[in-house]
Amino acid sequence: MPEEILFEFERNMDTGKVAQYLRTVADHLESGDEFTLKSGTESVTLTPPKSVEFEVEVERETSKSGGSTEIELEFELEWDEDGTGTSDLNIG
């Protein structure tokens, strides 16, 4: 299935600010409210269903030249646009 990027944002930020953004998204998910992501002239409004597919991925990227390694942590939420979704999550 072809992908269409609806919104993209990437910036180095203080981890406290990142946590604040994640809390805001979590609050909207918990309340069932739609929310809008905005950056400059770009924006996208999302209305996730009560059940979504949730993926957590951690990668280690090692430089071939022997430089420093990077850790990448990704959180991904996925759902069908028709509002259906199936999944369960436990974090401990």
PDB file of N, CA and C in Angstrom:
ATOM      1  N   MET A   1       0.845  -1.172   0.000  1.00  0.00           N
ATOM      2  CA  MET A   1       0.000   0.000   0.000  1.00  0.00           C
ATOM      3  C   MET A   1       0.894   1.239   0.000  1.00  0.00           C
ATOM      4  N   PRO A   2       0.692   2.159  -0.920  1.00  0.00           N
ATOM      5  CA  PRO A   2       1.530   3.361  -0.968  1.00  0.00           C
ATOM      6  C   PRO A   2       1.283   4.252   0.255  1.00  0.00           C
ATOM      7  N   GLU A   3       2.334   4.920   0.682  1.00  0.00           N
ATOM      8  CA  GLU A   3       2.239   5.819   1.830  1.00  0.00           C
ATOM      9  C   GLU A   3       2.208   7.263   1.369  1.00  0.00           C
ATOM     10  N   GLU A   4       1.471   8.081   2.094  1.00  0.00           N
ATOM     11  CA  GLU A   4       1.397   9.509   1.850  1.00  0.00           C
ATOM     12  C   GLU A   4       1.720  10.205   3.166  1.00  0.00           C
ATOM     13  N   ILE A   5       2.757  11.000   3.196  1.00  0.00           N
ATOM     14  CA  ILE A   5       3.124  11.713   4.421  1.00  0.00           C
ATOM     15  C   ILE A   5       2.186  12.902   4.582  1.00  0.00           C
ATOM     16  N   LEU A   6       1.417  12.898   5.656  1.00  0.00           N
ATOM     17  CA  LEU A   6       0.461  13.964   5.930  1.00  0.00           C
ATOM     18  C   LEU A   6       1.067  15.067   6.796  1.00  0.00           C
ATOM     19  N   PHE A   7       2.071  14.715   7.587  1.00  0.00           N
ATOM     20  CA  PHE A   7       2.696  15.673   8.499  1.00  0.00           C
ATOM     21  C   PHE A   7       4.035  15.086   8.937  1.00  0.00           C
ATOM     22  N   GLU A   8       5.042  15.935   9.082  1.00  0.00           N
ATOM     23  CA  GLU A   8       6.342  15.464   9.554  1.00  0.00           C
ATOM     24  C   GLU A   8       7.000  16.571  10.360  1.00  0.00           C
ATOM     25  N   PHE A   9       7.596  16.190  11.474  1.00  0.00           N
ATOM     26  CA  PHE A   9       8.281  17.146  12.348  1.00  0.00           C
ATOM     27  C   PHE A   9       9.498  16.453  12.933  1.00  0.00           C
ATOM     28  N   GLU A  10      10.639  17.120  12.904  1.00  0.00           N
ATOM     29  CA  GLU A  10      11.856  16.575  13.510  1.00  0.00           C
ATOM     30  C   GLU A  10      12.706  17.746  13.976  1.00  0.00           C
ATOM     31  N   ARG A  11      13.136  17.684  15.233  1.00  0.00           N
ATOM     32  CA  ARG A  11      13.950  18.752  15.793  1.00  0.00           C
ATOM     33  C   ARG A  11      14.630  18.232  17.057  1.00  0.00           C
ATOM     34  N   ASN A  12      15.849  18.676  17.322  1.00  0.00           N
ATOM     35  CA  ASN A  12      16.489  18.389  18.600  1.00  0.00           C
ATOM     36  C   ASN A  12      15.798  19.211  19.675  1.00  0.00           C
ATOM     37  N   MET A  13      15.388  18.549  20.758  1.00  0.00           N
ATOM     38  CA  MET A  13      14.652  19.223  21.825  1.00  0.00           C
ATOM     39  C   MET A  13      15.089  18.685  23.176  1.00  0.00           C
ATOM     40  N   ASP A  14      14.882  19.486  24.207  1.00  0.00           N
ATOM     41  CA  ASP A  14      15.093  19.063  25.582  1.00  0.00           C
ATOM     42  C   ASP A  14      14.108  17.928  25.897  1.00  0.00           C
ATOM     43  N   THR A  15      14.557  16.905  26.617  1.00  0.00           N
ATOM     44  CA  THR A  15      13.692  15.755  26.896  1.00  0.00           C
ATOM     45  C   THR A  15      12.452  16.138  27.703  1.00  0.00           C
ATOM     46  N   GLY A  16      12.550  17.174  28.530  1.00  0.00           N
ATOM     47  CA  GLY A  16      11.374  17.641  29.263  1.00  0.00           C
ATOM     48  C   GLY A  16      10.293  18.152  28.331  1.00  0.00           C
ATOM     49  N   LYS A  17      10.691  18.860  27.282  1.00  0.00           N
ATOM     50  CA  LYS A  17       9.736  19.368  26.293  1.00  0.00           C
ATOM     51  C   LYS A  17       9.118  18.212  25.501  1.00  0.00           C
ATOM     52  N   VAL A  18       9.926  17.219  25.173  1.00  0.00           N
ATOM     53  CA  VAL A  18       9.413  16.034  24.476  1.00  0.00           C
ATOM     54  C   VAL A  18       8.363  15.350  25.349  1.00  0.00           C
ATOM     55  N   ALA A  19       8.666  15.191  26.637  1.00  0.00           N
ATOM     56  CA  ALA A  19       7.721  14.557  27.561  1.00  0.00           C
ATOM     57  C   ALA A  19       6.416  15.339  27.621  1.00  0.00           C
ATOM     58  N   GLN A  20       6.503  16.668  27.591  1.00  0.00           N
ATOM     59  CA  GLN A  20       5.308  17.516  27.611  1.00  0.00           C
ATOM     60  C   GLN A  20       4.441  17.251  26.375  1.00  0.00           C
ATOM     61  N   TYR A  21       5.052  17.154  25.196  1.00  0.00           N
ATOM     62  CA  TYR A  21       4.305  16.845  23.974  1.00  0.00           C
ATOM     63  C   TYR A  21       3.645  15.466  24.079  1.00  0.00           C
ATOM     64  N   LEU A  22       4.403  14.475  24.550  1.00  0.00           N
ATOM     65  CA  LEU A  22       3.860  13.124  24.665  1.00  0.00           C
ATOM     66  C   LEU A  22       2.698  13.074  25.660  1.00  0.00           C
ATOM     67  N   ARG A  23       2.804  13.819  26.775  1.00  0.00           N
ATOM     68  CA  ARG A  23       1.710  13.877  27.747  1.00  0.00           C
ATOM     69  C   ARG A  23       0.448  14.478  27.131  1.00  0.00           C
ATOM     70  N   THR A  24       0.629  15.520  26.340  1.00  0.00           N
ATOM     71  CA  THR A  24      -0.515  16.161  25.691  1.00  0.00           C
ATOM     72  C   THR A  24      -1.209  15.188  24.747  1.00  0.00           C
ATOM     73  N   VAL A  25      -0.435  14.463  23.946  1.00  0.00           N
ATOM     74  CA  VAL A  25      -1.019  13.459  23.050  1.00  0.00           C
ATOM     75  C   VAL A  25      -1.696  12.369  23.878  1.00  0.00           C
ATOM     76  N   ALA A  26      -1.044  11.914  24.947  1.00  0.00           N
ATOM     77  CA  ALA A  26      -1.626  10.873  25.802  1.00  0.00           C
ATOM     78  C   ALA A  26      -2.945  11.333  26.410  1.00  0.00           C
ATOM     79  N   ASP A  27      -3.023  12.572  26.841  1.00  0.00           N
ATOM     80  CA  ASP A  27      -4.267  13.105  27.402  1.00  0.00           C
ATOM     81  C   ASP A  27      -5.393  13.070  26.379  1.00  0.00           C
ATOM     82  N   HIS A  28      -5.088  13.449  25.137  1.00  0.00           N
ATOM     83  CA  HIS A  28      -6.108  13.419  24.078  1.00  0.00           C
ATOM     84  C   HIS A  28      -6.526  11.990  23.751  1.00  0.00           C
ATOM     85  N   LEU A  29      -5.565  11.075  23.729  1.00  0.00           N
ATOM     86  CA  LEU A  29      -5.899   9.675  23.471  1.00  0.00           C
ATOM     87  C   LEU A  29      -6.813   9.131  24.563  1.00  0.00           C
ATOM     88  N   GLU A  30      -6.482   9.442  25.807  1.00  0.00           N
ATOM     89  CA  GLU A  30      -7.254   8.928  26.936  1.00  0.00           C
ATOM     90  C   GLU A  30      -8.677   9.493  26.956  1.00  0.00           C
ATOM     91  N   SER A  31      -8.817  10.764  26.615  1.00  0.00           N
ATOM     92  CA  SER A  31     -10.136  11.402  26.643  1.00  0.00           C
ATOM     93  C   SER A  31     -10.960  11.109  25.393  1.00  0.00           C
ATOM     94  N   GLY A  32     -10.311  10.608  24.346  1.00  0.00           N
ATOM     95  CA  GLY A  32     -11.006  10.334  23.094  1.00  0.00           C
ATOM     96  C   GLY A  32     -11.206  11.562  22.223  1.00  0.00           C
ATOM     97  N   ASP A  33     -10.540  12.660  22.597  1.00  0.00           N
ATOM     98  CA  ASP A  33     -10.663  13.898  21.833  1.00  0.00           C
ATOM     99  C   ASP A  33      -9.778  13.881  20.595  1.00  0.00           C
ATOM    100  N   GLU A  34     -10.234  14.535  19.539  1.00  0.00           N
ATOM    101  CA  GLU A  34      -9.359  14.747  18.389  1.00  0.00           C
ATOM    102  C   GLU A  34      -8.307  15.775  18.784  1.00  0.00           C
ATOM    103  N   PHE A  35      -7.189  15.750  18.072  1.00  0.00           N
ATOM    104  CA  PHE A  35      -6.135  16.726  18.323  1.00  0.00           C
ATOM    105  C   PHE A  35      -5.469  17.086  17.017  1.00  0.00           C
ATOM    106  N   THR A  36      -4.836  18.260  16.999  1.00  0.00           N
ATOM    107  CA  THR A  36      -4.193  18.763  15.790  1.00  0.00           C
ATOM    108  C   THR A  36      -2.706  18.943  16.047  1.00  0.00           C
ATOM    109  N   LEU A  37      -1.898  18.405  15.155  1.00  0.00           N
ATOM    110  CA  LEU A  37      -0.454  18.627  15.168  1.00  0.00           C
ATOM    111  C   LEU A  37      -0.171  19.776  14.215  1.00  0.00           C
ATOM    112  N   LYS A  38       0.607  20.755  14.674  1.00  0.00           N
ATOM    113  CA  LYS A  38       0.912  21.919  13.846  1.00  0.00           C
ATOM    114  C   LYS A  38       2.395  22.231  13.919  1.00  0.00           C
ATOM    115  N   SER A  39       2.945  22.629  12.794  1.00  0.00           N
ATOM    116  CA  SER A  39       4.318  23.123  12.728  1.00  0.00           C
ATOM    117  C   SER A  39       4.411  24.016  11.497  1.00  0.00           C
ATOM    118  N   GLY A  40       4.676  25.293  11.719  1.00  0.00           N
ATOM    119  CA  GLY A  40       4.719  26.234  10.604  1.00  0.00           C
ATOM    120  C   GLY A  40       3.379  26.273   9.906  1.00  0.00           C
ATOM    121  N   THR A  41       3.402  26.037   8.596  1.00  0.00           N
ATOM    122  CA  THR A  41       2.165  26.051   7.824  1.00  0.00           C
ATOM    123  C   THR A  41       1.534  24.665   7.709  1.00  0.00           C
ATOM    124  N   GLU A  42       2.197  23.651   8.232  1.00  0.00           N
ATOM    125  CA  GLU A  42       1.677  22.283   8.170  1.00  0.00           C
ATOM    126  C   GLU A  42       0.809  21.979   9.377  1.00  0.00           C
ATOM    127  N   SER A  43      -0.242  21.215   9.164  1.00  0.00           N
ATOM    128  CA  SER A  43      -1.052  20.734  10.274  1.00  0.00           C
ATOM    129  C   SER A  43      -1.832  19.506   9.833  1.00  0.00           C
ATOM    130  N   VAL A  44      -2.196  18.672  10.815  1.00  0.00           N
ATOM    131  CA  VAL A  44      -3.043  17.514  10.563  1.00  0.00           C
ATOM    132  C   VAL A  44      -3.871  17.289  11.828  1.00  0.00           C
ATOM    133  N   THR A  45      -5.159  17.051  11.640  1.00  0.00           N
ATOM    134  CA  THR A  45      -6.060  16.771  12.755  1.00  0.00           C
ATOM    135  C   THR A  45      -6.354  15.279  12.765  1.00  0.00           C
ATOM    136  N   LEU A  46      -6.219  14.674  13.949  1.00  0.00           N
ATOM    137  CA  LEU A  46      -6.377  13.231  14.103  1.00  0.00           C
ATOM    138  C   LEU A  46      -7.483  12.922  15.101  1.00  0.00           C
ATOM    139  N   THR A  47      -8.231  11.870  14.811  1.00  0.00           N
ATOM    140  CA  THR A  47      -9.258  11.373  15.718  1.00  0.00           C
ATOM    141  C   THR A  47      -9.091   9.859  15.838  1.00  0.00           C
ATOM    142  N   PRO A  48      -8.169   9.419  16.691  1.00  0.00           N
ATOM    143  CA  PRO A  48      -7.941   7.981  16.824  1.00  0.00           C
ATOM    144  C   PRO A  48      -9.140   7.279  17.468  1.00  0.00           C
ATOM    145  N   PRO A  49      -9.399   6.035  17.066  1.00  0.00           N
ATOM    146  CA  PRO A  49     -10.460   5.260  17.708  1.00  0.00           C
ATOM    147  C   PRO A  49     -10.017   4.812  19.107  1.00  0.00           C
ATOM    148  N   LYS A  50     -10.902   4.177  19.833  1.00  0.00           N
ATOM    149  CA  LYS A  50     -10.598   3.709  21.191  1.00  0.00           C
ATOM    150  C   LYS A  50      -9.534   2.611  21.203  1.00  0.00           C
ATOM    151  N   SER A  51      -9.384   1.905  20.110  1.00  0.00           N
ATOM    152  CA  SER A  51      -8.401   0.834  20.033  1.00  0.00           C
ATOM    153  C   SER A  51      -7.486   1.087  18.835  1.00  0.00           C
ATOM    154  N   VAL A  52      -6.178   1.100  19.078  1.00  0.00           N
ATOM    155  CA  VAL A  52      -5.204   1.327  18.017  1.00  0.00           C
ATOM    156  C   VAL A  52      -4.106   0.272  18.119  1.00  0.00           C
ATOM    157  N   GLU A  53      -3.407   0.071  17.024  1.00  0.00           N
ATOM    158  CA  GLU A  53      -2.221  -0.786  17.050  1.00  0.00           C
ATOM    159  C   GLU A  53      -1.070   0.069  17.546  1.00  0.00           C
ATOM    160  N   PHE A  54      -0.347  -0.415  18.550  1.00  0.00           N
ATOM    161  CA  PHE A  54       0.749   0.334  19.158  1.00  0.00           C
ATOM    162  C   PHE A  54       2.042  -0.448  18.998  1.00  0.00           C
ATOM    163  N   GLU A  55       3.061   0.211  18.490  1.00  0.00           N
ATOM    164  CA  GLU A  55       4.359  -0.434  18.264  1.00  0.00           C
ATOM    165  C   GLU A  55       5.449   0.381  18.944  1.00  0.00           C
ATOM    166  N   VAL A  56       6.331  -0.319  19.638  1.00  0.00           N
ATOM    167  CA  VAL A  56       7.520   0.299  20.222  1.00  0.00           C
ATOM    168  C   VAL A  56       8.714  -0.401  19.602  1.00  0.00           C
ATOM    169  N   GLU A  57       9.647   0.392  19.103  1.00  0.00           N
ATOM    170  CA  GLU A  57      10.834  -0.174  18.458  1.00  0.00           C
ATOM    171  C   GLU A  57      12.065   0.573  18.940  1.00  0.00           C
ATOM    172  N   VAL A  58      13.099  -0.183  19.315  1.00  0.00           N
ATOM    173  CA  VAL A  58      14.377   0.405  19.712  1.00  0.00           C
ATOM    174  C   VAL A  58      15.445  -0.145  18.777  1.00  0.00           C
ATOM    175  N   GLU A  59      16.204   0.766  18.174  1.00  0.00           N
ATOM    176  CA  GLU A  59      17.270   0.376  17.249  1.00  0.00           C
ATOM    177  C   GLU A  59      18.596   0.968  17.706  1.00  0.00           C
ATOM    178  N   ARG A  60      19.663   0.255  17.438  1.00  0.00           N
ATOM    179  CA  ARG A  60      21.015   0.781  17.641  1.00  0.00           C
ATOM    180  C   ARG A  60      21.628   0.958  16.263  1.00  0.00           C
ATOM    181  N   GLU A  61      22.043   2.171  15.967  1.00  0.00           N
ATOM    182  CA  GLU A  61      22.677   2.471  14.690  1.00  0.00           C
ATOM    183  C   GLU A  61      24.159   2.694  14.940  1.00  0.00           C
ATOM    184  N   THR A  62      24.978   1.850  14.325  1.00  0.00           N
ATOM    185  CA  THR A  62      26.417   1.913  14.496  1.00  0.00           C
ATOM    186  C   THR A  62      27.058   2.458  13.231  1.00  0.00           C
ATOM    187  N   SER A  63      27.935   3.425  13.396  1.00  0.00           N
ATOM    188  CA  SER A  63      28.624   4.014  12.259  1.00  0.00           C
ATOM    189  C   SER A  63      29.625   3.017  11.699  1.00  0.00           C
ATOM    190  N   LYS A  64      29.663   2.862  10.374  1.00  0.00           N
ATOM    191  CA  LYS A  64      30.625   1.968   9.730  1.00  0.00           C
ATOM    192  C   LYS A  64      32.048   2.485   9.867  1.00  0.00           C
ATOM    193  N   SER A  65      32.196   3.795  10.090  1.00  0.00           N
ATOM    194  CA  SER A  65      33.536   4.383  10.210  1.00  0.00           C
ATOM    195  C   SER A  65      34.076   4.307  11.631  1.00  0.00           C
ATOM    196  N   GLY A  66      33.335   3.653  12.529  1.00  0.00           N
ATOM    197  CA  GLY A  66      33.807   3.513  13.894  1.00  0.00           C
ATOM    198  C   GLY A  66      33.426   4.673  14.791  1.00  0.00           C
ATOM    199  N   GLY A  67      32.597   5.563  14.307  1.00  0.00           N
ATOM    200  CA  GLY A  67      32.139   6.702  15.106  1.00  0.00           C
ATOM    201  C   GLY A  67      31.153   6.258  16.177  1.00  0.00           C
ATOM    202  N   SER A  68      30.506   7.216  16.778  1.00  0.00           N
ATOM    203  CA  SER A  68      29.582   6.921  17.863  1.00  0.00           C
ATOM    204  C   SER A  68      28.340   6.185  17.365  1.00  0.00           C
ATOM    205  N   THR A  69      27.714   5.472  18.287  1.00  0.00           N
ATOM    206  CA  THR A  69      26.469   4.786  17.970  1.00  0.00           C
ATOM    207  C   THR A  69      25.296   5.649  18.444  1.00  0.00           C
ATOM    208  N   GLU A  70      24.155   5.441  17.832  1.00  0.00           N
ATOM    209  CA  GLU A  70      22.937   6.141  18.217  1.00  0.00           C
ATOM    210  C   GLU A  70      21.872   5.124  18.577  1.00  0.00           C
ATOM    211  N   ILE A  71      21.069   5.479  19.578  1.00  0.00           N
ATOM    212  CA  ILE A  71      19.897   4.683  19.930  1.00  0.00           C
ATOM    213  C   ILE A  71      18.675   5.428  19.420  1.00  0.00           C
ATOM    214  N   GLU A  72      17.787   4.707  18.765  1.00  0.00           N
ATOM    215  CA  GLU A  72      16.553   5.298  18.248  1.00  0.00           C
ATOM    216  C   GLU A  72      15.375   4.585  18.897  1.00  0.00           C
ATOM    217  N   LEU A  73      14.497   5.356  19.533  1.00  0.00           N
ATOM    218  CA  LEU A  73      13.283   4.843  20.159  1.00  0.00           C
ATOM    219  C   LEU A  73      12.100   5.401  19.403  1.00  0.00           C
ATOM    220  N   GLU A  74      11.271   4.518  18.874  1.00  0.00           N
ATOM    221  CA  GLU A  74      10.107   4.942  18.096  1.00  0.00           C
ATOM    222  C   GLU A  74       8.836   4.427  18.757  1.00  0.00           C
ATOM    223  N   PHE A  75       7.847   5.317  18.864  1.00  0.00           N
ATOM    224  CA  PHE A  75       6.503   4.942  19.277  1.00  0.00           C
ATOM    225  C   PHE A  75       5.605   5.174  18.067  1.00  0.00           C
ATOM    226  N   GLU A  76       4.832   4.178  17.712  1.00  0.00           N
ATOM    227  CA  GLU A  76       3.972   4.296  16.531  1.00  0.00           C
ATOM    228  C   GLU A  76       2.560   3.852  16.882  1.00  0.00           C
ATOM    229  N   LEU A  77       1.599   4.669  16.527  1.00  0.00           N
ATOM    230  CA  LEU A  77       0.188   4.333  16.652  1.00  0.00           C
ATOM    231  C   LEU A  77      -0.369   4.171  15.249  1.00  0.00           C
ATOM    232  N   GLU A  78      -1.161   3.148  15.048  1.00  0.00           N
ATOM    233  CA  GLU A  78      -1.710   2.902  13.714  1.00  0.00           C
ATOM    234  C   GLU A  78      -3.155   2.458  13.843  1.00  0.00           C
ATOM    235  N   TRP A  79      -4.009   2.982  12.942  1.00  0.00           N
ATOM    236  CA  TRP A  79      -5.401   2.571  12.915  1.00  0.00           C
ATOM    237  C   TRP A  79      -5.948   2.760  11.516  1.00  0.00           C
ATOM    238  N   ASP A  80      -7.040   2.041  11.238  1.00  0.00           N
ATOM    239  CA  ASP A  80      -7.722   2.186   9.954  1.00  0.00           C
ATOM    240  C   ASP A  80      -8.506   3.487   9.963  1.00  0.00           C
ATOM    241  N   GLU A  81      -8.521   4.180   8.843  1.00  0.00           N
ATOM    242  CA  GLU A  81      -9.252   5.442   8.755  1.00  0.00           C
ATOM    243  C   GLU A  81     -10.747   5.271   8.975  1.00  0.00           C
ATOM    244  N   ASP A  82     -11.258   4.069   8.776  1.00  0.00           N
ATOM    245  CA  ASP A  82     -12.690   3.861   9.011  1.00  0.00           C
ATOM    246  C   ASP A  82     -13.011   3.714  10.491  1.00  0.00           C
ATOM    247  N   GLY A  83     -11.966   3.822  11.345  1.00  0.00           N
ATOM    248  CA  GLY A  83     -12.194   3.833  12.788  1.00  0.00           C
ATOM    249  C   GLY A  83     -12.059   2.498  13.477  1.00  0.00           C
ATOM    250  N   THR A  84     -11.790   1.436  12.739  1.00  0.00           N
ATOM    251  CA  THR A  84     -11.622   0.148  13.387  1.00  0.00           C
ATOM    252  C   THR A  84     -10.175  -0.040  13.793  1.00  0.00           C
ATOM    253  N   GLY A  85      -9.957  -0.822  14.795  1.00  0.00           N
ATOM    254  CA  GLY A  85      -8.603  -1.113  15.235  1.00  0.00           C
ATOM    255  C   GLY A  85      -8.636  -2.210  16.273  1.00  0.00           C
ATOM    256  N   THR A  86      -7.548  -2.950  16.365  1.00  0.00           N
ATOM    257  CA  THR A  86      -7.485  -4.012  17.359  1.00  0.00           C
ATOM    258  C   THR A  86      -6.099  -4.038  17.951  1.00  0.00           C
ATOM    259  N   SER A  87      -6.055  -4.074  19.276  1.00  0.00           N
ATOM    260  CA  SER A  87      -4.769  -4.188  19.947  1.00  0.00           C
ATOM    261  C   SER A  87      -4.944  -3.999  21.434  1.00  0.00           C
ATOM    262  N   ASP A  88      -3.956  -4.412  22.201  1.00  0.00           N
ATOM    263  CA  ASP A  88      -3.918  -4.209  23.637  1.00  0.00           C
ATOM    264  C   ASP A  88      -2.492  -3.926  24.019  1.00  0.00           C
ATOM    265  N   LEU A  89      -2.283  -3.145  25.066  1.00  0.00           N
ATOM    266  CA  LEU A  89      -0.931  -2.748  25.470  1.00  0.00           C
ATOM    267  C   LEU A  89      -0.815  -2.805  26.975  1.00  0.00           C
ATOM    268  N   ASN A  90       0.298  -3.341  27.460  1.00  0.00           N
ATOM    269  CA  ASN A  90       0.658  -3.273  28.878  1.00  0.00           C
ATOM    270  C   ASN A  90       2.083  -2.770  28.963  1.00  0.00           C
ATOM    271  N   ILE A  91       2.298  -1.753  29.774  1.00  0.00           N
ATOM    272  CA  ILE A  91       3.646  -1.232  29.986  1.00  0.00           C
ATOM    273  C   ILE A  91       3.987  -1.420  31.458  1.00  0.00           C
ATOM    274  N   GLY A  92       5.119  -2.056  31.697  1.00  0.00           N
ATOM    275  CA  GLY A  92       5.480  -2.300  33.097  1.00  0.00           C
ATOM    276  C   GLY A  92       6.891  -1.912  33.393  1.00  0.00           C
TER     277      GLY A  92
END
